[in-house]
Amino acid sequence: MNDNTKPVSKDPVRLNKYLSDAGVCSRRQADRYVEAGRITVDGQPAVMGQKILPSQTICLDGKPVSVSRRRIILAVNKPQGIVCTTEKREKDNIVDFIGYSERIYPMGRLDKDSEGLILMTNDGELMDQILRARNYHEKEYLVRVNRPVTMDFLKKMRSGVPILDTVTRPCKVEKVGPYMFKIVLTQGLNRQIRRMCEALDYRVRWLKRVRIMNINLDGLPVGQYREIKGEELRKLELMLKQDPKKSAGENRNKDE
């Protein structure tokens, strides 16, 4: 099996996993489709938690779904104004914007008002591994704000900011200009950076994600994509196998 081939199980699998592996949507979205009655199995409405065999006919909105054996992982430089969703009713959805020939979906989200790196795939297991907050995977951003970046602001951002009924994890923050800073997060709360800044009486004027784990933009033009493969893919897979908390601790020690 080469780097870009996915194993296809012959055993019964949960319907939401099958749809995720098929590149239709995430498991959570698959459950929503089932609840909405948009999924059928051999012509019958699907039920939550149902297990299916690959030999059965699975349809979304009446169109057959099949799992591709080729694993697809794309690095996309998302422009502002594009929405990270598979929902066709959103006219600026990223799936239509990319126009890829096979079914893929975004790994997580990047705000409509933000730009930069978003990964897209048809591999549900890989997506789950990368998105799990407990895995402490790094995501790096460049941010411009409306006020000068001070040492007090940097210190508070690094130590954790109260938002959304919690306190953000300690993170790496570095000033890169009078109004700009670089931040590396290991969690993905909703609109986290914007909320952190607002809690400290700052406003984000521009935000760009430049790295997810070992994947970065590498000069990729805005609106373009490239496939993740070869050594870059092998390094990503190796990082996913490492102890996330140990790695995070080592990184923090290097910064102290």
C-alpha atoms as a PDB file:
ATOM      1  CA  MET A   1       0.000   0.000   0.000  1.00  0.00           C
ATOM      2  CA  ASN A   2       1.481   3.388  -0.937  1.00  0.00           C
ATOM      3  CA  ASP A   3       1.210   6.693   0.942  1.00  0.00           C
ATOM      4  CA  ASN A   4      -1.970   7.725  -0.824  1.00  0.00           C
ATOM      5  CA  THR A   5      -3.996   4.517  -0.589  1.00  0.00           C
ATOM      6  CA  LYS A   6      -6.644   3.933   2.060  1.00  0.00           C
ATOM      7  CA  PRO A   7      -7.645   0.451   3.249  1.00  0.00           C
ATOM      8  CA  VAL A   8     -11.321  -0.320   2.593  1.00  0.00           C
ATOM      9  CA  SER A   9     -12.865  -2.546   5.256  1.00  0.00           C
ATOM     10  CA  LYS A  10     -15.074  -5.483   4.289  1.00  0.00           C
ATOM     11  CA  ASP A  11     -16.576  -5.579   7.793  1.00  0.00           C
ATOM     12  CA  PRO A  12     -19.658  -3.650   8.934  1.00  0.00           C
ATOM     13  CA  VAL A  13     -18.874  -0.019   9.767  1.00  0.00           C
ATOM     14  CA  ARG A  14     -20.900   2.785  11.272  1.00  0.00           C
ATOM     15  CA  LEU A  15     -22.706   4.815   8.669  1.00  0.00           C
ATOM     16  CA  ASN A  16     -21.204   8.108   9.833  1.00  0.00           C
ATOM     17  CA  LYS A  17     -17.681   6.659   9.529  1.00  0.00           C
ATOM     18  CA  TYR A  18     -18.467   5.349   6.038  1.00  0.00           C
ATOM     19  CA  LEU A  19     -19.673   8.779   4.935  1.00  0.00           C
ATOM     20  CA  SER A  20     -16.607  10.383   6.497  1.00  0.00           C
ATOM     21  CA  ASP A  21     -14.269   7.952   4.719  1.00  0.00           C
ATOM     22  CA  ALA A  22     -16.121   8.628   1.480  1.00  0.00           C
ATOM     23  CA  GLY A  23     -15.212  12.293   1.750  1.00  0.00           C
ATOM     24  CA  VAL A  24     -18.841  13.346   1.999  1.00  0.00           C
ATOM     25  CA  CYS A  25     -18.638  15.124   5.341  1.00  0.00           C
ATOM     26  CA  SER A  26     -17.434  14.794   8.925  1.00  0.00           C
ATOM     27  CA  ARG A  27     -19.015  12.198  11.229  1.00  0.00           C
ATOM     28  CA  ARG A  28     -20.917  14.890  13.097  1.00  0.00           C
ATOM     29  CA  GLN A  29     -22.340  16.287   9.874  1.00  0.00           C
ATOM     30  CA  ALA A  30     -23.217  12.749   8.749  1.00  0.00           C
ATOM     31  CA  ASP A  31     -25.348  12.328  11.876  1.00  0.00           C
ATOM     32  CA  ARG A  32     -27.124  15.583  11.049  1.00  0.00           C
ATOM     33  CA  TYR A  33     -27.825  14.311   7.528  1.00  0.00           C
ATOM     34  CA  VAL A  34     -29.277  11.095   8.987  1.00  0.00           C
ATOM     35  CA  GLU A  35     -31.510  13.072  11.356  1.00  0.00           C
ATOM     36  CA  ALA A  36     -32.681  15.214   8.433  1.00  0.00           C
ATOM     37  CA  GLY A  37     -33.618  12.090   6.432  1.00  0.00           C
ATOM     38  CA  ARG A  38     -31.141  12.840   3.647  1.00  0.00           C
ATOM     39  CA  ILE A  39     -29.371   9.445   3.828  1.00  0.00           C
ATOM     40  CA  THR A  40     -30.776   6.142   2.593  1.00  0.00           C
ATOM     41  CA  VAL A  41     -29.390   2.601   2.843  1.00  0.00           C
ATOM     42  CA  ASP A  42     -30.618   0.248   0.113  1.00  0.00           C
ATOM     43  CA  GLY A  43     -33.476   2.644  -0.517  1.00  0.00           C
ATOM     44  CA  GLN A  44     -34.592   2.873   3.127  1.00  0.00           C
ATOM     45  CA  PRO A  45     -34.114   5.892   5.425  1.00  0.00           C
ATOM     46  CA  ALA A  46     -30.977   5.513   7.534  1.00  0.00           C
ATOM     47  CA  VAL A  47     -31.128   5.471  11.329  1.00  0.00           C
ATOM     48  CA  MET A  48     -28.690   6.945  13.846  1.00  0.00           C
ATOM     49  CA  GLY A  49     -25.822   4.609  14.743  1.00  0.00           C
ATOM     50  CA  GLN A  50     -26.616   2.210  11.908  1.00  0.00           C
ATOM     51  CA  LYS A  51     -23.888  -0.115  10.653  1.00  0.00           C
ATOM     52  CA  ILE A  52     -23.584  -0.911   6.978  1.00  0.00           C
ATOM     53  CA  LEU A  53     -21.576  -3.095   4.612  1.00  0.00           C
ATOM     54  CA  PRO A  54     -19.590  -1.593   1.725  1.00  0.00           C
ATOM     55  CA  SER A  55     -21.697  -3.734  -0.612  1.00  0.00           C
ATOM     56  CA  GLN A  56     -24.856  -1.833   0.345  1.00  0.00           C
ATOM     57  CA  THR A  57     -26.120   1.173  -1.618  1.00  0.00           C
ATOM     58  CA  ILE A  58     -25.711   4.392   0.349  1.00  0.00           C
ATOM     59  CA  CYS A  59     -27.253   7.582  -1.049  1.00  0.00           C
ATOM     60  CA  LEU A  60     -27.145  11.227  -0.019  1.00  0.00           C
ATOM     61  CA  ASP A  61     -30.071  13.187  -1.422  1.00  0.00           C
ATOM     62  CA  GLY A  62     -30.667  10.300  -3.829  1.00  0.00           C
ATOM     63  CA  LYS A  63     -27.103  10.239  -5.169  1.00  0.00           C
ATOM     64  CA  PRO A  64     -24.957   7.100  -4.547  1.00  0.00           C
ATOM     65  CA  VAL A  65     -21.913   7.451  -2.298  1.00  0.00           C
ATOM     66  CA  SER A  66     -18.786   5.299  -2.582  1.00  0.00           C
ATOM     67  CA  VAL A  67     -15.452   5.229  -0.770  1.00  0.00           C
ATOM     68  CA  SER A  68     -12.410   6.101  -2.844  1.00  0.00           C
ATOM     69  CA  ARG A  69      -9.320   3.942  -2.281  1.00  0.00           C
ATOM     70  CA  ARG A  70      -7.104   6.944  -2.986  1.00  0.00           C
ATOM     71  CA  ARG A  71      -6.400   9.021   0.095  1.00  0.00           C
ATOM     72  CA  ILE A  72      -6.485  12.731  -0.666  1.00  0.00           C
ATOM     73  CA  ILE A  73      -4.952  15.391   1.584  1.00  0.00           C
ATOM     74  CA  LEU A  74      -4.745  18.949   0.282  1.00  0.00           C
ATOM     75  CA  ALA A  75      -3.158  22.075   1.732  1.00  0.00           C
ATOM     76  CA  VAL A  76      -5.327  25.025   0.692  1.00  0.00           C
ATOM     77  CA  ASN A  77      -4.539  28.725   1.027  1.00  0.00           C
ATOM     78  CA  LYS A  78      -8.063  29.946   1.755  1.00  0.00           C
ATOM     79  CA  PRO A  79      -8.864  33.548   0.869  1.00  0.00           C
ATOM     80  CA  GLN A  80     -11.081  35.783   2.964  1.00  0.00           C
ATOM     81  CA  GLY A  81     -14.782  35.399   2.211  1.00  0.00           C
ATOM     82  CA  ILE A  82     -14.736  31.616   1.674  1.00  0.00           C
ATOM     83  CA  VAL A  83     -16.630  29.489   4.212  1.00  0.00           C
ATOM     84  CA  CYS A  84     -15.197  26.180   5.469  1.00  0.00           C
ATOM     85  CA  THR A  85     -18.309  24.065   4.986  1.00  0.00           C
ATOM     86  CA  THR A  86     -19.573  21.325   2.684  1.00  0.00           C
ATOM     87  CA  GLU A  87     -23.064  22.830   2.746  1.00  0.00           C
ATOM     88  CA  LYS A  88     -24.062  23.548  -0.846  1.00  0.00           C
ATOM     89  CA  ARG A  89     -26.599  26.148   0.243  1.00  0.00           C
ATOM     90  CA  GLU A  90     -23.653  28.349   1.245  1.00  0.00           C
ATOM     91  CA  LYS A  91     -22.715  29.958  -2.076  1.00  0.00           C
ATOM     92  CA  ASP A  92     -19.139  30.653  -0.934  1.00  0.00           C
ATOM     93  CA  ASN A  93     -18.460  27.143   0.413  1.00  0.00           C
ATOM     94  CA  ILE A  94     -14.880  25.918   0.140  1.00  0.00           C
ATOM     95  CA  VAL A  95     -15.766  22.673  -1.663  1.00  0.00           C
ATOM     96  CA  ASP A  96     -17.206  24.501  -4.666  1.00  0.00           C
ATOM     97  CA  PHE A  97     -14.418  27.092  -4.487  1.00  0.00           C
ATOM     98  CA  ILE A  98     -11.724  24.393  -4.792  1.00  0.00           C
ATOM     99  CA  GLY A  99     -13.665  22.424  -7.402  1.00  0.00           C
ATOM    100  CA  TYR A 100     -11.723  19.202  -6.771  1.00  0.00           C
ATOM    101  CA  SER A 101     -12.657  16.194  -8.894  1.00  0.00           C
ATOM    102  CA  GLU A 102     -13.326  13.873  -5.899  1.00  0.00           C
ATOM    103  CA  ARG A 103     -15.313  14.316  -2.696  1.00  0.00           C
ATOM    104  CA  ILE A 104     -13.259  16.073  -0.006  1.00  0.00           C
ATOM    105  CA  TYR A 105     -14.109  18.192   3.003  1.00  0.00           C
ATOM    106  CA  PRO A 106     -12.266  20.650   5.258  1.00  0.00           C
ATOM    107  CA  MET A 107     -10.471  19.541   8.425  1.00  0.00           C
ATOM    108  CA  GLY A 108     -11.988  21.929  10.933  1.00  0.00           C
ATOM    109  CA  ARG A 109     -12.737  25.558  10.270  1.00  0.00           C
ATOM    110  CA  LEU A 110     -11.105  28.867   9.484  1.00  0.00           C
ATOM    111  CA  ASP A 111     -13.345  31.912   9.908  1.00  0.00           C
ATOM    112  CA  LYS A 112     -14.879  33.464   6.807  1.00  0.00           C
ATOM    113  CA  ASP A 113     -13.066  36.701   7.660  1.00  0.00           C
ATOM    114  CA  SER A 114      -9.720  34.879   8.085  1.00  0.00           C
ATOM    115  CA  GLU A 115      -7.322  33.524   5.484  1.00  0.00           C
ATOM    116  CA  GLY A 116      -4.550  30.980   5.214  1.00  0.00           C
ATOM    117  CA  LEU A 117      -3.998  27.259   5.630  1.00  0.00           C
ATOM    118  CA  ILE A 118      -6.870  24.804   5.753  1.00  0.00           C
ATOM    119  CA  LEU A 119      -6.424  21.077   5.152  1.00  0.00           C
ATOM    120  CA  MET A 120      -8.965  19.157   3.066  1.00  0.00           C
ATOM    121  CA  THR A 121      -9.262  15.383   2.842  1.00  0.00           C
ATOM    122  CA  ASN A 122     -11.383  12.312   2.168  1.00  0.00           C
ATOM    123  CA  ASP A 123      -9.805  10.493   5.141  1.00  0.00           C
ATOM    124  CA  GLY A 124     -12.110  10.717   8.154  1.00  0.00           C
ATOM    125  CA  GLU A 125      -9.730   8.953  10.547  1.00  0.00           C
ATOM    126  CA  LEU A 126      -6.896  11.342   9.756  1.00  0.00           C
ATOM    127  CA  MET A 127      -9.173  14.317  10.252  1.00  0.00           C
ATOM    128  CA  ASP A 128     -10.337  13.044  13.653  1.00  0.00           C
ATOM    129  CA  GLN A 129      -6.722  12.555  14.787  1.00  0.00           C
ATOM    130  CA  ILE A 130      -5.708  16.077  13.798  1.00  0.00           C
ATOM    131  CA  LEU A 131      -8.782  17.825  15.199  1.00  0.00           C
ATOM    132  CA  ARG A 132      -8.931  16.185  18.646  1.00  0.00           C
ATOM    133  CA  ALA A 133      -8.043  18.961  21.105  1.00  0.00           C
ATOM    134  CA  ARG A 134      -6.500  16.482  23.546  1.00  0.00           C
ATOM    135  CA  ASN A 135      -3.788  15.728  20.987  1.00  0.00           C
ATOM    136  CA  TYR A 136      -2.184  19.174  21.429  1.00  0.00           C
ATOM    137  CA  HIS A 137      -1.408  19.614  17.719  1.00  0.00           C
ATOM    138  CA  GLU A 138       0.078  23.006  16.905  1.00  0.00           C
ATOM    139  CA  LYS A 139      -1.545  25.603  14.670  1.00  0.00           C
ATOM    140  CA  GLU A 140       0.331  28.831  13.956  1.00  0.00           C
ATOM    141  CA  TYR A 141      -1.190  32.205  13.053  1.00  0.00           C
ATOM    142  CA  LEU A 142      -0.107  35.719  12.133  1.00  0.00           C
ATOM    143  CA  VAL A 143      -2.402  38.400  13.559  1.00  0.00           C
ATOM    144  CA  ARG A 144      -2.687  42.157  13.141  1.00  0.00           C
ATOM    145  CA  VAL A 145      -4.629  44.114  15.773  1.00  0.00           C
ATOM    146  CA  ASN A 146      -5.955  47.658  16.196  1.00  0.00           C
ATOM    147  CA  ARG A 147      -3.601  48.716  19.002  1.00  0.00           C
ATOM    148  CA  PRO A 148       0.141  48.460  19.629  1.00  0.00           C
ATOM    149  CA  VAL A 149       1.221  45.040  20.891  1.00  0.00           C
ATOM    150  CA  THR A 150       2.593  45.473  24.432  1.00  0.00           C
ATOM    151  CA  MET A 151       4.548  43.161  26.729  1.00  0.00           C
ATOM    152  CA  ASP A 152       1.559  43.033  29.080  1.00  0.00           C
ATOM    153  CA  PHE A 153      -0.685  41.887  26.215  1.00  0.00           C
ATOM    154  CA  LEU A 154       1.823  39.181  25.201  1.00  0.00           C
ATOM    155  CA  LYS A 155       2.166  37.945  28.786  1.00  0.00           C
ATOM    156  CA  LYS A 156      -1.590  37.629  29.249  1.00  0.00           C
ATOM    157  CA  MET A 157      -2.077  35.906  25.903  1.00  0.00           C
ATOM    158  CA  ARG A 158       0.684  33.395  26.739  1.00  0.00           C
ATOM    159  CA  SER A 159      -0.610  32.524  30.200  1.00  0.00           C
ATOM    160  CA  GLY A 160      -4.257  31.974  29.251  1.00  0.00           C
ATOM    161  CA  VAL A 161      -7.306  34.173  28.725  1.00  0.00           C
ATOM    162  CA  PRO A 162     -10.818  33.572  30.159  1.00  0.00           C
ATOM    163  CA  ILE A 163     -13.253  33.020  27.257  1.00  0.00           C
ATOM    164  CA  LEU A 164     -16.281  30.786  26.647  1.00  0.00           C
ATOM    165  CA  ASP A 165     -16.521  29.704  30.315  1.00  0.00           C
ATOM    166  CA  THR A 166     -12.955  28.377  30.340  1.00  0.00           C
ATOM    167  CA  VAL A 167      -9.357  29.616  30.309  1.00  0.00           C
ATOM    168  CA  THR A 168      -7.317  29.083  27.166  1.00  0.00           C
ATOM    169  CA  ARG A 169      -4.275  26.818  27.299  1.00  0.00           C
ATOM    170  CA  PRO A 170      -0.865  28.451  27.756  1.00  0.00           C
ATOM    171  CA  CYS A 171       0.528  29.162  24.297  1.00  0.00           C
ATOM    172  CA  LYS A 172       3.487  30.628  22.439  1.00  0.00           C
ATOM    173  CA  VAL A 173       3.082  34.285  21.438  1.00  0.00           C
ATOM    174  CA  GLU A 174       5.736  36.500  19.830  1.00  0.00           C
ATOM    175  CA  LYS A 175       5.631  40.127  18.703  1.00  0.00           C
ATOM    176  CA  VAL A 176       6.576  40.499  15.018  1.00  0.00           C
ATOM    177  CA  GLY A 177       5.632  44.142  14.434  1.00  0.00           C
ATOM    178  CA  PRO A 178       4.159  47.185  16.209  1.00  0.00           C
ATOM    179  CA  TYR A 179       0.620  45.915  15.600  1.00  0.00           C
ATOM    180  CA  MET A 180       1.338  42.271  14.776  1.00  0.00           C
ATOM    181  CA  PHE A 181       2.074  39.067  16.640  1.00  0.00           C
ATOM    182  CA  LYS A 182       2.562  35.365  15.954  1.00  0.00           C
ATOM    183  CA  ILE A 183       0.653  32.821  18.056  1.00  0.00           C
ATOM    184  CA  VAL A 184       0.823  29.010  18.231  1.00  0.00           C
ATOM    185  CA  LEU A 185      -2.268  27.296  19.646  1.00  0.00           C
ATOM    186  CA  THR A 186      -2.829  23.684  20.681  1.00  0.00           C
ATOM    187  CA  GLN A 187      -6.608  23.923  20.940  1.00  0.00           C
ATOM    188  CA  GLY A 188      -9.354  25.162  18.659  1.00  0.00           C
ATOM    189  CA  LEU A 189     -12.090  27.030  20.489  1.00  0.00           C
ATOM    190  CA  ASN A 190     -14.616  28.883  18.368  1.00  0.00           C
ATOM    191  CA  ARG A 191     -13.078  32.133  17.070  1.00  0.00           C
ATOM    192  CA  GLN A 192     -10.454  31.661  19.781  1.00  0.00           C
ATOM    193  CA  ILE A 193      -7.871  34.282  18.819  1.00  0.00           C
ATOM    194  CA  ARG A 194     -10.492  36.939  18.148  1.00  0.00           C
ATOM    195  CA  ARG A 195     -12.182  36.226  21.505  1.00  0.00           C
ATOM    196  CA  MET A 196      -8.832  36.246  23.361  1.00  0.00           C
ATOM    197  CA  CYS A 197      -7.965  39.628  21.878  1.00  0.00           C
ATOM    198  CA  GLU A 198     -11.412  41.067  22.618  1.00  0.00           C
ATOM    199  CA  ALA A 199     -11.140  39.930  26.254  1.00  0.00           C
ATOM    200  CA  LEU A 200      -7.994  42.086  26.482  1.00  0.00           C
ATOM    201  CA  ASP A 201      -9.653  45.059  24.740  1.00  0.00           C
ATOM    202  CA  TYR A 202      -7.987  44.451  21.358  1.00  0.00           C
ATOM    203  CA  ARG A 203      -9.638  43.884  17.980  1.00  0.00           C
ATOM    204  CA  VAL A 204      -8.308  41.628  15.230  1.00  0.00           C
ATOM    205  CA  ARG A 205      -7.912  43.469  11.920  1.00  0.00           C
ATOM    206  CA  TRP A 206      -6.327  40.598   9.951  1.00  0.00           C
ATOM    207  CA  LEU A 207      -5.681  36.937  10.717  1.00  0.00           C
ATOM    208  CA  LYS A 208      -3.825  34.315   8.700  1.00  0.00           C
ATOM    209  CA  ARG A 209      -3.100  30.696   9.595  1.00  0.00           C
ATOM    210  CA  VAL A 210       0.337  29.744   8.295  1.00  0.00           C
ATOM    211  CA  ARG A 211       0.941  26.267   9.757  1.00  0.00           C
ATOM    212  CA  ILE A 212      -0.831  23.124  10.995  1.00  0.00           C
ATOM    213  CA  MET A 213       1.661  20.736  12.646  1.00  0.00           C
ATOM    214  CA  ASN A 214       4.410  20.258  10.003  1.00  0.00           C
ATOM    215  CA  ILE A 215       2.283  21.533   7.097  1.00  0.00           C
ATOM    216  CA  ASN A 216       2.770  25.165   6.094  1.00  0.00           C
ATOM    217  CA  LEU A 217       1.889  27.390   3.164  1.00  0.00           C
ATOM    218  CA  ASP A 218       5.410  27.377   1.651  1.00  0.00           C
ATOM    219  CA  GLY A 219       4.639  30.223  -0.758  1.00  0.00           C
ATOM    220  CA  LEU A 220       1.349  28.679  -1.901  1.00  0.00           C
ATOM    221  CA  PRO A 221      -0.640  31.489  -3.619  1.00  0.00           C
ATOM    222  CA  VAL A 222      -3.949  32.586  -2.100  1.00  0.00           C
ATOM    223  CA  GLY A 223      -6.802  30.536  -3.551  1.00  0.00           C
ATOM    224  CA  GLN A 224      -4.529  27.668  -4.655  1.00  0.00           C
ATOM    225  CA  TYR A 225      -3.900  24.182  -3.228  1.00  0.00           C
ATOM    226  CA  ARG A 226      -1.287  21.447  -3.302  1.00  0.00           C
ATOM    227  CA  GLU A 227      -1.379  17.759  -2.398  1.00  0.00           C
ATOM    228  CA  ILE A 228       0.330  16.515   0.768  1.00  0.00           C
ATOM    229  CA  LYS A 229       2.453  13.470  -0.061  1.00  0.00           C
ATOM    230  CA  GLY A 230       5.926  11.948   0.151  1.00  0.00           C
ATOM    231  CA  GLU A 231       8.180  12.992   3.028  1.00  0.00           C
ATOM    232  CA  GLU A 232       5.753  15.702   4.167  1.00  0.00           C
ATOM    233  CA  LEU A 233       2.996  13.106   4.591  1.00  0.00           C
ATOM    234  CA  ARG A 234       5.289  10.609   6.302  1.00  0.00           C
ATOM    235  CA  LYS A 235       6.374  13.247   8.827  1.00  0.00           C
ATOM    236  CA  LEU A 236       2.733  14.151   9.500  1.00  0.00           C
ATOM    237  CA  GLU A 237       1.864  10.500  10.153  1.00  0.00           C
ATOM    238  CA  LEU A 238       4.882  10.145  12.478  1.00  0.00           C
ATOM    239  CA  MET A 239       3.798  13.201  14.472  1.00  0.00           C
ATOM    240  CA  LEU A 240       0.300  11.747  14.858  1.00  0.00           C
ATOM    241  CA  LYS A 241       1.806   8.630  16.467  1.00  0.00           C
ATOM    242  CA  GLN A 242       3.846  10.556  19.041  1.00  0.00           C
ATOM    243  CA  ASP A 243       2.744  11.233  22.621  1.00  0.00           C
ATOM    244  CA  PRO A 244       1.058  14.638  22.219  1.00  0.00           C
ATOM    245  CA  LYS A 245       1.383  15.815  25.847  1.00  0.00           C
ATOM    246  CA  LYS A 246       5.052  14.813  26.008  1.00  0.00           C
ATOM    247  CA  SER A 247       5.763  16.704  22.785  1.00  0.00           C
ATOM    248  CA  ALA A 248       3.852  19.735  24.029  1.00  0.00           C
ATOM    249  CA  GLY A 249       5.835  19.676  27.285  1.00  0.00           C
ATOM    250  CA  GLU A 250       9.116  19.486  25.418  1.00  0.00           C
ATOM    251  CA  ASN A 251       8.109  22.458  23.254  1.00  0.00           C
ATOM    252  CA  ARG A 252       7.181  24.523  26.307  1.00  0.00           C
ATOM    253  CA  ASN A 253      10.483  23.728  28.003  1.00  0.00           C
ATOM    254  CA  LYS A 254      12.364  24.948  24.935  1.00  0.00           C
ATOM    255  CA  ASP A 255      10.564  28.296  25.210  1.00  0.00           C
ATOM    256  CA  GLU A 256      11.296  28.836  28.930  1.00  0.00           C
END
